[in-house]
Amino acid sequence: MGVFHIYFSILSLLAPLLVVIGVGTTWGKLGHAFPAQFVTVLATTVTTPALVFNTLVTTQLSNEIMATVAGATVLALALCMGVSALALKLCKLPVRKLLQTTTFPNAGNLGLPITHLAFGDAGLSTSIAFFAVCSFIQHTVGVRTLPSANGMPAAWKSPILIASVLAVACRVFSYTPPQWIMESAQLLGSMTVPLMLLGLGHALALIPAAGLRLGGIVGAIRLVAGLATGAAAAWLVGLPADMIGNVALQMGMPCAVVSYMYARRYTDMGDTAAGAVLISTVVFLVLAPFLLWLLGSPVAG
């Protein structure tokens, strides 16, 4: 009974996130107008860069820890890519077409709010650093693992990357931006999580249910490989115990919705990727309270 009490207590903490996702899903199922492109562009070019900049500038984590988190992220993604490629090959699934679906977690619209809930403000700072590195690699190296994606323009001008570089420069040179800039970034950044959760819910409502069987296999690879490689990478680079749990949780997130979009655009495995997003998201949300307890989240204490 104690285990069930802890499970449902943590689930109640996740409830606000699930409600916002549910609003987006219901909105999509009812067929109401939803400016998905506007929301996506606003979140990726304005609110998320503002959140990244504000968090990285104001975080109490040292520059050394932030650099170590970035290194752990790169190592975790590399390990996950290798493990995923082997697993896909063993399951006789097309490696190049599905590798980015199994490698990259939904570190943005699900990872940021859940790690913030699980590990507090320090956890948000860690997850912001993880997300910035993960997002950049996914949109540069990751997408180029797909067939026919070589002609895609580079992401060197990504607003998230620019915000990250500016924030790092401020920290390295001990520069404090004017208060009006920081307050503007904080205000804009505060819209990121609701926008991302609504967008995730709406996207899940519109993803076709075809390909659920193969999608289940791909989703299982994403969750298991991500969680294991995230914990291994964080431990190998020497992060503190609480940050190991944070990085492992981020890497253990379900398949990213953008992975489905890339798979649909550049391959014939769009339905499989869609099924992977659906199943991995549902399974993750069901298991989330247990994972928070397993990874040592303070909310599970």
C-alpha atoms as a PDB file:
ATOM      1  CA  MET A   1       0.000   0.000   0.000  1.00  0.00           C
ATOM      2  CA  GLY A   2       2.950   2.296   0.697  1.00  0.00           C
ATOM      3  CA  VAL A   3       4.212   1.828  -2.876  1.00  0.00           C
ATOM      4  CA  PHE A   4       0.769   2.640  -4.290  1.00  0.00           C
ATOM      5  CA  HIS A   5       0.535   5.700  -2.057  1.00  0.00           C
ATOM      6  CA  ILE A   6       3.867   7.006  -3.352  1.00  0.00           C
ATOM      7  CA  TYR A   7       2.869   6.188  -6.950  1.00  0.00           C
ATOM      8  CA  PHE A   8      -0.413   8.065  -6.808  1.00  0.00           C
ATOM      9  CA  SER A   9       1.111  10.938  -4.852  1.00  0.00           C
ATOM     10  CA  ILE A  10       3.660  11.489  -7.614  1.00  0.00           C
ATOM     11  CA  LEU A  11       0.977  10.976 -10.251  1.00  0.00           C
ATOM     12  CA  SER A  12      -1.021  13.771  -8.633  1.00  0.00           C
ATOM     13  CA  LEU A  13       2.015  16.037  -8.999  1.00  0.00           C
ATOM     14  CA  LEU A  14       2.132  15.165 -12.699  1.00  0.00           C
ATOM     15  CA  ALA A  15      -1.589  15.895 -13.057  1.00  0.00           C
ATOM     16  CA  PRO A  16      -1.207  19.568 -14.162  1.00  0.00           C
ATOM     17  CA  LEU A  17       1.075  18.479 -16.999  1.00  0.00           C
ATOM     18  CA  LEU A  18      -1.337  15.728 -18.015  1.00  0.00           C
ATOM     19  CA  VAL A  19      -4.267  18.161 -17.914  1.00  0.00           C
ATOM     20  CA  VAL A  20      -2.555  20.575 -20.306  1.00  0.00           C
ATOM     21  CA  ILE A  21      -1.594  17.715 -22.635  1.00  0.00           C
ATOM     22  CA  GLY A  22      -5.185  16.493 -22.397  1.00  0.00           C
ATOM     23  CA  VAL A  23      -6.528  19.915 -23.367  1.00  0.00           C
ATOM     24  CA  GLY A  24      -4.361  19.869 -26.489  1.00  0.00           C
ATOM     25  CA  THR A  25      -5.412  16.311 -27.338  1.00  0.00           C
ATOM     26  CA  THR A  26      -9.124  17.044 -26.810  1.00  0.00           C
ATOM     27  CA  TRP A  27      -8.827  20.208 -28.876  1.00  0.00           C
ATOM     28  CA  GLY A  28      -7.366  18.198 -31.745  1.00  0.00           C
ATOM     29  CA  LYS A  29      -9.917  15.380 -31.482  1.00  0.00           C
ATOM     30  CA  LEU A  30     -12.781  17.893 -31.579  1.00  0.00           C
ATOM     31  CA  GLY A  31     -11.357  19.389 -34.751  1.00  0.00           C
ATOM     32  CA  HIS A  32     -11.103  22.942 -33.423  1.00  0.00           C
ATOM     33  CA  ALA A  33      -8.718  25.312 -35.161  1.00  0.00           C
ATOM     34  CA  PHE A  34      -5.217  25.089 -33.754  1.00  0.00           C
ATOM     35  CA  PRO A  35      -2.381  27.135 -35.287  1.00  0.00           C
ATOM     36  CA  ALA A  36       0.149  24.322 -34.926  1.00  0.00           C
ATOM     37  CA  GLN A  37       2.737  25.937 -37.181  1.00  0.00           C
ATOM     38  CA  PHE A  38       2.426  29.270 -35.361  1.00  0.00           C
ATOM     39  CA  VAL A  39       2.779  27.600 -31.961  1.00  0.00           C
ATOM     40  CA  THR A  40       5.777  25.551 -33.120  1.00  0.00           C
ATOM     41  CA  VAL A  41       7.556  28.531 -34.677  1.00  0.00           C
ATOM     42  CA  LEU A  42       6.802  30.758 -31.659  1.00  0.00           C
ATOM     43  CA  ALA A  43       8.078  28.148 -29.211  1.00  0.00           C
ATOM     44  CA  THR A  44      11.228  27.259 -31.143  1.00  0.00           C
ATOM     45  CA  THR A  45      12.270  30.756 -32.222  1.00  0.00           C
ATOM     46  CA  VAL A  46      11.107  33.017 -29.376  1.00  0.00           C
ATOM     47  CA  THR A  47       9.927  31.492 -26.093  1.00  0.00           C
ATOM     48  CA  THR A  48      12.331  28.538 -25.830  1.00  0.00           C
ATOM     49  CA  PRO A  49      15.437  30.616 -26.663  1.00  0.00           C
ATOM     50  CA  ALA A  50      14.247  33.144 -24.063  1.00  0.00           C
ATOM     51  CA  LEU A  51      13.862  30.363 -21.485  1.00  0.00           C
ATOM     52  CA  VAL A  52      17.270  28.933 -22.369  1.00  0.00           C
ATOM     53  CA  PHE A  53      18.968  32.335 -22.107  1.00  0.00           C
ATOM     54  CA  ASN A  54      17.295  33.331 -18.834  1.00  0.00           C
ATOM     55  CA  THR A  55      17.906  29.974 -17.161  1.00  0.00           C
ATOM     56  CA  LEU A  56      21.533  29.583 -18.213  1.00  0.00           C
ATOM     57  CA  VAL A  57      22.394  33.161 -17.179  1.00  0.00           C
ATOM     58  CA  THR A  58      20.680  33.014 -13.786  1.00  0.00           C
ATOM     59  CA  THR A  59      21.390  29.399 -12.753  1.00  0.00           C
ATOM     60  CA  GLN A  60      23.464  28.841  -9.639  1.00  0.00           C
ATOM     61  CA  LEU A  61      25.214  25.862 -11.225  1.00  0.00           C
ATOM     62  CA  SER A  62      28.904  26.438 -11.908  1.00  0.00           C
ATOM     63  CA  ASN A  63      30.298  26.732 -15.420  1.00  0.00           C
ATOM     64  CA  GLU A  64      32.218  23.512 -14.854  1.00  0.00           C
ATOM     65  CA  ILE A  65      29.046  21.586 -13.989  1.00  0.00           C
ATOM     66  CA  MET A  66      27.206  23.008 -16.996  1.00  0.00           C
ATOM     67  CA  ALA A  67      30.073  21.989 -19.285  1.00  0.00           C
ATOM     68  CA  THR A  68      30.064  18.522 -17.735  1.00  0.00           C
ATOM     69  CA  VAL A  69      26.314  18.208 -18.361  1.00  0.00           C
ATOM     70  CA  ALA A  70      26.873  19.174 -21.996  1.00  0.00           C
ATOM     71  CA  GLY A  71      29.587  16.543 -22.284  1.00  0.00           C
ATOM     72  CA  ALA A  72      27.346  13.931 -20.669  1.00  0.00           C
ATOM     73  CA  THR A  73      24.604  14.790 -23.165  1.00  0.00           C
ATOM     74  CA  VAL A  74      26.876  14.275 -26.168  1.00  0.00           C
ATOM     75  CA  LEU A  75      28.193  11.004 -24.740  1.00  0.00           C
ATOM     76  CA  ALA A  76      24.698   9.751 -23.867  1.00  0.00           C
ATOM     77  CA  LEU A  77      23.386  10.465 -27.369  1.00  0.00           C
ATOM     78  CA  ALA A  78      26.399   8.745 -28.955  1.00  0.00           C
ATOM     79  CA  LEU A  79      25.951   5.680 -26.743  1.00  0.00           C
ATOM     80  CA  CYS A  80      22.202   5.627 -27.389  1.00  0.00           C
ATOM     81  CA  MET A  81      22.757   5.851 -31.133  1.00  0.00           C
ATOM     82  CA  GLY A  82      25.093   2.859 -31.028  1.00  0.00           C
ATOM     83  CA  VAL A  83      22.814   0.753 -28.818  1.00  0.00           C
ATOM     84  CA  SER A  84      19.743   1.709 -30.874  1.00  0.00           C
ATOM     85  CA  ALA A  85      21.441   0.810 -34.162  1.00  0.00           C
ATOM     86  CA  LEU A  86      22.307  -2.633 -32.780  1.00  0.00           C
ATOM     87  CA  ALA A  87      18.785  -3.166 -31.411  1.00  0.00           C
ATOM     88  CA  LEU A  88      17.140  -2.118 -34.682  1.00  0.00           C
ATOM     89  CA  LYS A  89      19.419  -4.449 -36.616  1.00  0.00           C
ATOM     90  CA  LEU A  90      18.599  -7.350 -34.288  1.00  0.00           C
ATOM     91  CA  CYS A  91      14.872  -6.622 -34.734  1.00  0.00           C
ATOM     92  CA  LYS A  92      15.399  -6.534 -38.530  1.00  0.00           C
ATOM     93  CA  LEU A  93      14.150  -2.958 -38.799  1.00  0.00           C
ATOM     94  CA  PRO A  94      15.679  -0.340 -41.145  1.00  0.00           C
ATOM     95  CA  VAL A  95      18.432   1.290 -39.110  1.00  0.00           C
ATOM     96  CA  ARG A  96      18.916   4.547 -41.013  1.00  0.00           C
ATOM     97  CA  LYS A  97      15.195   5.226 -41.317  1.00  0.00           C
ATOM     98  CA  LEU A  98      14.456   4.764 -37.602  1.00  0.00           C
ATOM     99  CA  LEU A  99      17.735   5.586 -35.860  1.00  0.00           C
ATOM    100  CA  GLN A 100      16.893   9.212 -35.072  1.00  0.00           C
ATOM    101  CA  THR A 101      13.483   8.120 -33.730  1.00  0.00           C
ATOM    102  CA  THR A 102      15.097   5.751 -31.228  1.00  0.00           C
ATOM    103  CA  THR A 103      18.024   8.026 -30.355  1.00  0.00           C
ATOM    104  CA  PHE A 104      16.516  11.419 -29.546  1.00  0.00           C
ATOM    105  CA  PRO A 105      14.184  11.949 -26.562  1.00  0.00           C
ATOM    106  CA  ASN A 106      11.323  14.414 -26.224  1.00  0.00           C
ATOM    107  CA  ALA A 107      13.575  16.651 -24.147  1.00  0.00           C
ATOM    108  CA  GLY A 108      11.603  19.808 -24.848  1.00  0.00           C
ATOM    109  CA  ASN A 109       7.849  19.789 -24.489  1.00  0.00           C
ATOM    110  CA  LEU A 110       7.861  16.853 -22.033  1.00  0.00           C
ATOM    111  CA  GLY A 111      11.391  16.720 -20.672  1.00  0.00           C
ATOM    112  CA  LEU A 112      11.611  20.307 -19.413  1.00  0.00           C
ATOM    113  CA  PRO A 113       8.384  20.359 -17.354  1.00  0.00           C
ATOM    114  CA  ILE A 114       8.864  16.876 -15.892  1.00  0.00           C
ATOM    115  CA  THR A 115      12.503  17.371 -14.868  1.00  0.00           C
ATOM    116  CA  HIS A 116      11.585  20.754 -13.390  1.00  0.00           C
ATOM    117  CA  LEU A 117       8.860  19.056 -11.385  1.00  0.00           C
ATOM    118  CA  ALA A 118      11.125  16.179 -10.393  1.00  0.00           C
ATOM    119  CA  PHE A 119      14.328  18.037  -9.511  1.00  0.00           C
ATOM    120  CA  GLY A 120      13.341  21.683  -8.976  1.00  0.00           C
ATOM    121  CA  ASP A 121      15.125  24.796 -10.272  1.00  0.00           C
ATOM    122  CA  ALA A 122      18.528  23.122 -10.293  1.00  0.00           C
ATOM    123  CA  GLY A 123      16.989  20.301 -12.296  1.00  0.00           C
ATOM    124  CA  LEU A 124      15.572  22.794 -14.778  1.00  0.00           C
ATOM    125  CA  SER A 125      19.020  24.329 -15.272  1.00  0.00           C
ATOM    126  CA  THR A 126      20.501  20.902 -15.941  1.00  0.00           C
ATOM    127  CA  SER A 127      17.695  19.941 -18.298  1.00  0.00           C
ATOM    128  CA  ILE A 128      17.990  23.261 -20.167  1.00  0.00           C
ATOM    129  CA  ALA A 129      21.668  22.530 -20.842  1.00  0.00           C
ATOM    130  CA  PHE A 130      20.743  18.994 -21.910  1.00  0.00           C
ATOM    131  CA  PHE A 131      17.927  20.223 -24.135  1.00  0.00           C
ATOM    132  CA  ALA A 132      20.045  22.882 -25.855  1.00  0.00           C
ATOM    133  CA  VAL A 133      22.758  20.374 -26.789  1.00  0.00           C
ATOM    134  CA  CYS A 134      20.286  17.615 -27.691  1.00  0.00           C
ATOM    135  CA  SER A 135      18.176  19.917 -29.862  1.00  0.00           C
ATOM    136  CA  PHE A 136      21.181  21.181 -31.799  1.00  0.00           C
ATOM    137  CA  ILE A 137      22.548  17.672 -32.425  1.00  0.00           C
ATOM    138  CA  GLN A 138      19.148  16.337 -33.472  1.00  0.00           C
ATOM    139  CA  HIS A 139      18.600  19.046 -36.049  1.00  0.00           C
ATOM    140  CA  THR A 140      22.112  18.749 -37.490  1.00  0.00           C
ATOM    141  CA  VAL A 141      23.697  15.313 -37.059  1.00  0.00           C
ATOM    142  CA  GLY A 142      20.533  13.395 -36.225  1.00  0.00           C
ATOM    143  CA  VAL A 143      18.422  14.372 -39.200  1.00  0.00           C
ATOM    144  CA  ARG A 144      21.290  13.572 -41.544  1.00  0.00           C
ATOM    145  CA  THR A 145      21.169   9.906 -40.561  1.00  0.00           C
ATOM    146  CA  LEU A 146      17.936   9.756 -42.565  1.00  0.00           C
ATOM    147  CA  PRO A 147      17.949   8.875 -46.262  1.00  0.00           C
ATOM    148  CA  SER A 148      17.456  11.861 -48.603  1.00  0.00           C
ATOM    149  CA  ALA A 149      17.951  14.389 -45.778  1.00  0.00           C
ATOM    150  CA  ASN A 150      21.376  15.601 -46.882  1.00  0.00           C
ATOM    151  CA  GLY A 151      19.895  18.599 -48.662  1.00  0.00           C
ATOM    152  CA  MET A 152      18.376  20.001 -45.495  1.00  0.00           C
ATOM    153  CA  PRO A 153      19.789  23.414 -44.547  1.00  0.00           C
ATOM    154  CA  ALA A 154      22.178  23.554 -41.586  1.00  0.00           C
ATOM    155  CA  ALA A 155      20.934  24.555 -38.135  1.00  0.00           C
ATOM    156  CA  TRP A 156      23.912  26.746 -37.237  1.00  0.00           C
ATOM    157  CA  LYS A 157      21.593  29.741 -37.056  1.00  0.00           C
ATOM    158  CA  SER A 158      19.177  28.045 -34.664  1.00  0.00           C
ATOM    159  CA  PRO A 159      17.752  30.600 -32.170  1.00  0.00           C
ATOM    160  CA  ILE A 160      18.215  28.047 -29.372  1.00  0.00           C
ATOM    161  CA  LEU A 161      21.896  27.691 -30.257  1.00  0.00           C
ATOM    162  CA  ILE A 162      22.331  31.477 -30.470  1.00  0.00           C
ATOM    163  CA  ALA A 163      20.641  31.944 -27.071  1.00  0.00           C
ATOM    164  CA  SER A 164      22.876  29.257 -25.579  1.00  0.00           C
ATOM    165  CA  VAL A 165      26.043  30.852 -26.962  1.00  0.00           C
ATOM    166  CA  LEU A 166      25.024  34.311 -25.701  1.00  0.00           C
ATOM    167  CA  ALA A 167      24.223  32.936 -22.247  1.00  0.00           C
ATOM    168  CA  VAL A 168      27.548  31.080 -22.074  1.00  0.00           C
ATOM    169  CA  ALA A 169      29.362  34.271 -23.140  1.00  0.00           C
ATOM    170  CA  CYS A 170      27.641  36.215 -20.356  1.00  0.00           C
ATOM    171  CA  ARG A 171      28.736  33.633 -17.804  1.00  0.00           C
ATOM    172  CA  VAL A 172      32.315  33.343 -19.086  1.00  0.00           C
ATOM    173  CA  PHE A 173      32.845  37.128 -19.114  1.00  0.00           C
ATOM    174  CA  SER A 174      30.809  37.691 -15.902  1.00  0.00           C
ATOM    175  CA  TYR A 175      28.464  40.071 -17.718  1.00  0.00           C
ATOM    176  CA  THR A 176      25.041  40.788 -16.230  1.00  0.00           C
ATOM    177  CA  PRO A 177      22.505  41.833 -18.904  1.00  0.00           C
ATOM    178  CA  PRO A 178      20.236  44.822 -18.155  1.00  0.00           C
ATOM    179  CA  GLN A 179      17.273  44.037 -15.940  1.00  0.00           C
ATOM    180  CA  TRP A 180      14.732  44.774 -18.671  1.00  0.00           C
ATOM    181  CA  ILE A 181      16.353  42.149 -20.899  1.00  0.00           C
ATOM    182  CA  MET A 182      16.264  39.506 -18.172  1.00  0.00           C
ATOM    183  CA  GLU A 183      12.658  40.312 -17.229  1.00  0.00           C
ATOM    184  CA  SER A 184      11.631  40.152 -20.892  1.00  0.00           C
ATOM    185  CA  ALA A 185      13.381  36.798 -21.294  1.00  0.00           C
ATOM    186  CA  GLN A 186      11.721  35.489 -18.117  1.00  0.00           C
ATOM    187  CA  LEU A 187       8.266  36.602 -19.267  1.00  0.00           C
ATOM    188  CA  LEU A 188       8.635  35.127 -22.740  1.00  0.00           C
ATOM    189  CA  GLY A 189      10.228  31.959 -21.385  1.00  0.00           C
ATOM    190  CA  SER A 190       7.327  31.385 -18.988  1.00  0.00           C
ATOM    191  CA  MET A 191       5.098  30.657 -21.998  1.00  0.00           C
ATOM    192  CA  THR A 192       7.297  27.809 -23.222  1.00  0.00           C
ATOM    193  CA  VAL A 193       6.052  24.904 -21.103  1.00  0.00           C
ATOM    194  CA  PRO A 194       2.292  25.520 -21.659  1.00  0.00           C
ATOM    195  CA  LEU A 195       2.839  26.010 -25.398  1.00  0.00           C
ATOM    196  CA  MET A 196       4.925  22.842 -25.668  1.00  0.00           C
ATOM    197  CA  LEU A 197       2.459  20.724 -23.686  1.00  0.00           C
ATOM    198  CA  LEU A 198      -0.513  21.981 -25.692  1.00  0.00           C
ATOM    199  CA  GLY A 199       1.394  21.348 -28.921  1.00  0.00           C
ATOM    200  CA  LEU A 200       2.341  17.837 -27.791  1.00  0.00           C
ATOM    201  CA  GLY A 201      -1.265  16.998 -26.918  1.00  0.00           C
ATOM    202  CA  HIS A 202      -2.551  18.340 -30.226  1.00  0.00           C
ATOM    203  CA  ALA A 203       0.124  16.443 -32.188  1.00  0.00           C
ATOM    204  CA  LEU A 204      -0.714  13.177 -30.400  1.00  0.00           C
ATOM    205  CA  ALA A 205      -4.385  13.633 -31.331  1.00  0.00           C
ATOM    206  CA  LEU A 206      -3.532  13.825 -35.032  1.00  0.00           C
ATOM    207  CA  ILE A 207      -0.876  11.104 -35.279  1.00  0.00           C
ATOM    208  CA  PRO A 208      -2.280   8.083 -37.187  1.00  0.00           C
ATOM    209  CA  ALA A 209      -2.619   4.846 -35.240  1.00  0.00           C
ATOM    210  CA  ALA A 210      -1.179   2.716 -38.068  1.00  0.00           C
ATOM    211  CA  GLY A 211       2.138   1.025 -37.374  1.00  0.00           C
ATOM    212  CA  LEU A 212       1.462   0.435 -33.684  1.00  0.00           C
ATOM    213  CA  ARG A 213       3.108  -3.021 -33.602  1.00  0.00           C
ATOM    214  CA  LEU A 214       6.436  -1.941 -35.059  1.00  0.00           C
ATOM    215  CA  GLY A 215       6.054   1.398 -33.305  1.00  0.00           C
ATOM    216  CA  GLY A 216       5.857  -0.434 -29.997  1.00  0.00           C
ATOM    217  CA  ILE A 217       9.217  -2.087 -30.661  1.00  0.00           C
ATOM    218  CA  VAL A 218      10.807   1.228 -31.663  1.00  0.00           C
ATOM    219  CA  GLY A 219       9.292   2.974 -28.632  1.00  0.00           C
ATOM    220  CA  ALA A 220      10.600   0.271 -26.292  1.00  0.00           C
ATOM    221  CA  ILE A 221      14.111   0.682 -27.706  1.00  0.00           C
ATOM    222  CA  ARG A 222      13.884   4.457 -27.154  1.00  0.00           C
ATOM    223  CA  LEU A 223      12.810   4.178 -23.517  1.00  0.00           C
ATOM    224  CA  VAL A 224      15.147   1.377 -22.418  1.00  0.00           C
ATOM    225  CA  ALA A 225      18.233   2.452 -24.371  1.00  0.00           C
ATOM    226  CA  GLY A 226      17.726   6.106 -23.457  1.00  0.00           C
ATOM    227  CA  LEU A 227      17.379   5.486 -19.735  1.00  0.00           C
ATOM    228  CA  ALA A 228      20.371   3.126 -19.595  1.00  0.00           C
ATOM    229  CA  THR A 229      22.746   5.230 -21.704  1.00  0.00           C
ATOM    230  CA  GLY A 230      21.735   8.443 -19.935  1.00  0.00           C
ATOM    231  CA  ALA A 231      22.601   6.989 -16.533  1.00  0.00           C
ATOM    232  CA  ALA A 232      25.820   5.442 -17.857  1.00  0.00           C
ATOM    233  CA  ALA A 233      27.037   8.647 -19.528  1.00  0.00           C
ATOM    234  CA  ALA A 234      26.260  10.835 -16.503  1.00  0.00           C
ATOM    235  CA  TRP A 235      28.104   8.389 -14.247  1.00  0.00           C
ATOM    236  CA  LEU A 236      31.101   8.137 -16.589  1.00  0.00           C
ATOM    237  CA  VAL A 237      31.644  11.922 -16.710  1.00  0.00           C
ATOM    238  CA  GLY A 238      31.384  12.151 -12.920  1.00  0.00           C
ATOM    239  CA  LEU A 239      28.160  14.085 -12.363  1.00  0.00           C
ATOM    240  CA  PRO A 240      26.704  14.182  -8.815  1.00  0.00           C
ATOM    241  CA  ALA A 241      24.117  11.522  -7.970  1.00  0.00           C
ATOM    242  CA  ASP A 242      21.093  13.833  -8.290  1.00  0.00           C
ATOM    243  CA  MET A 243      22.266  15.001 -11.725  1.00  0.00           C
ATOM    244  CA  ILE A 244      22.764  11.419 -12.861  1.00  0.00           C
ATOM    245  CA  GLY A 245      19.064  10.877 -12.212  1.00  0.00           C
ATOM    246  CA  ASN A 246      18.208  14.081 -14.055  1.00  0.00           C
ATOM    247  CA  VAL A 247      20.202  13.213 -17.190  1.00  0.00           C
ATOM    248  CA  ALA A 248      18.901   9.632 -17.126  1.00  0.00           C
ATOM    249  CA  LEU A 249      15.339  10.949 -16.888  1.00  0.00           C
ATOM    250  CA  GLN A 250      15.896  13.304 -19.817  1.00  0.00           C
ATOM    251  CA  MET A 251      17.407  10.543 -21.937  1.00  0.00           C
ATOM    252  CA  GLY A 252      14.575   8.212 -20.906  1.00  0.00           C
ATOM    253  CA  MET A 253      11.890  10.484 -22.350  1.00  0.00           C
ATOM    254  CA  PRO A 254       9.638   9.081 -25.115  1.00  0.00           C
ATOM    255  CA  CYS A 255      10.253   9.551 -28.828  1.00  0.00           C
ATOM    256  CA  ALA A 256      10.258  13.187 -29.910  1.00  0.00           C
ATOM    257  CA  VAL A 257       7.344  14.344 -32.039  1.00  0.00           C
ATOM    258  CA  VAL A 258       9.804  16.024 -34.398  1.00  0.00           C
ATOM    259  CA  SER A 259      11.331  12.578 -35.053  1.00  0.00           C
ATOM    260  CA  TYR A 260       7.982  11.449 -36.441  1.00  0.00           C
ATOM    261  CA  MET A 261       7.804  14.564 -38.597  1.00  0.00           C
ATOM    262  CA  TYR A 262      11.271  13.926 -40.012  1.00  0.00           C
ATOM    263  CA  ALA A 263      10.522  10.226 -40.585  1.00  0.00           C
ATOM    264  CA  ARG A 264       7.303  11.087 -42.416  1.00  0.00           C
ATOM    265  CA  ARG A 265       9.079  13.643 -44.594  1.00  0.00           C
ATOM    266  CA  TYR A 266      12.232  11.726 -45.499  1.00  0.00           C
ATOM    267  CA  THR A 267      11.290   8.006 -45.238  1.00  0.00           C
ATOM    268  CA  ASP A 268       8.470   5.530 -45.759  1.00  0.00           C
ATOM    269  CA  MET A 269       8.438   4.679 -42.023  1.00  0.00           C
ATOM    270  CA  GLY A 270       6.225   7.581 -40.941  1.00  0.00           C
ATOM    271  CA  ASP A 271       3.481   5.344 -39.552  1.00  0.00           C
ATOM    272  CA  THR A 272       5.983   3.297 -37.543  1.00  0.00           C
ATOM    273  CA  ALA A 273       7.525   6.467 -36.111  1.00  0.00           C
ATOM    274  CA  ALA A 274       4.036   7.763 -35.289  1.00  0.00           C
ATOM    275  CA  GLY A 275       3.215   4.557 -33.452  1.00  0.00           C
ATOM    276  CA  ALA A 276       6.502   4.836 -31.563  1.00  0.00           C
ATOM    277  CA  VAL A 277       5.653   8.366 -30.430  1.00  0.00           C
ATOM    278  CA  LEU A 278       2.165   7.364 -29.299  1.00  0.00           C
ATOM    279  CA  ILE A 279       3.135   4.197 -27.443  1.00  0.00           C
ATOM    280  CA  SER A 280       6.333   5.501 -25.865  1.00  0.00           C
ATOM    281  CA  THR A 281       4.543   8.625 -24.616  1.00  0.00           C
ATOM    282  CA  VAL A 282       1.677   6.666 -23.047  1.00  0.00           C
ATOM    283  CA  VAL A 283       4.021   4.088 -21.490  1.00  0.00           C
ATOM    284  CA  PHE A 284       6.321   6.791 -20.144  1.00  0.00           C
ATOM    285  CA  LEU A 285       3.477   8.728 -18.522  1.00  0.00           C
ATOM    286  CA  VAL A 286       2.197   5.535 -16.881  1.00  0.00           C
ATOM    287  CA  LEU A 287       5.665   4.666 -15.594  1.00  0.00           C
ATOM    288  CA  ALA A 288       6.715   8.242 -14.738  1.00  0.00           C
ATOM    289  CA  PRO A 289       5.954   8.049 -10.977  1.00  0.00           C
ATOM    290  CA  PHE A 290       7.973   4.832 -10.689  1.00  0.00           C
ATOM    291  CA  LEU A 291      10.853   6.335 -12.699  1.00  0.00           C
ATOM    292  CA  LEU A 292      10.923   9.444 -10.493  1.00  0.00           C
ATOM    293  CA  TRP A 293      11.197   7.212  -7.441  1.00  0.00           C
ATOM    294  CA  LEU A 294      13.852   5.003  -9.075  1.00  0.00           C
ATOM    295  CA  LEU A 295      15.990   7.990 -10.107  1.00  0.00           C
ATOM    296  CA  GLY A 296      15.894   9.631  -6.691  1.00  0.00           C
ATOM    297  CA  SER A 297      13.643  12.605  -7.379  1.00  0.00           C
ATOM    298  CA  PRO A 298      12.983  14.698  -4.230  1.00  0.00           C
ATOM    299  CA  VAL A 299       9.237  14.639  -4.987  1.00  0.00           C
ATOM    300  CA  ALA A 300       9.352  10.857  -4.534  1.00  0.00           C
ATOM    301  CA  GLY A 301      11.079  11.083  -1.177  1.00  0.00           C
END
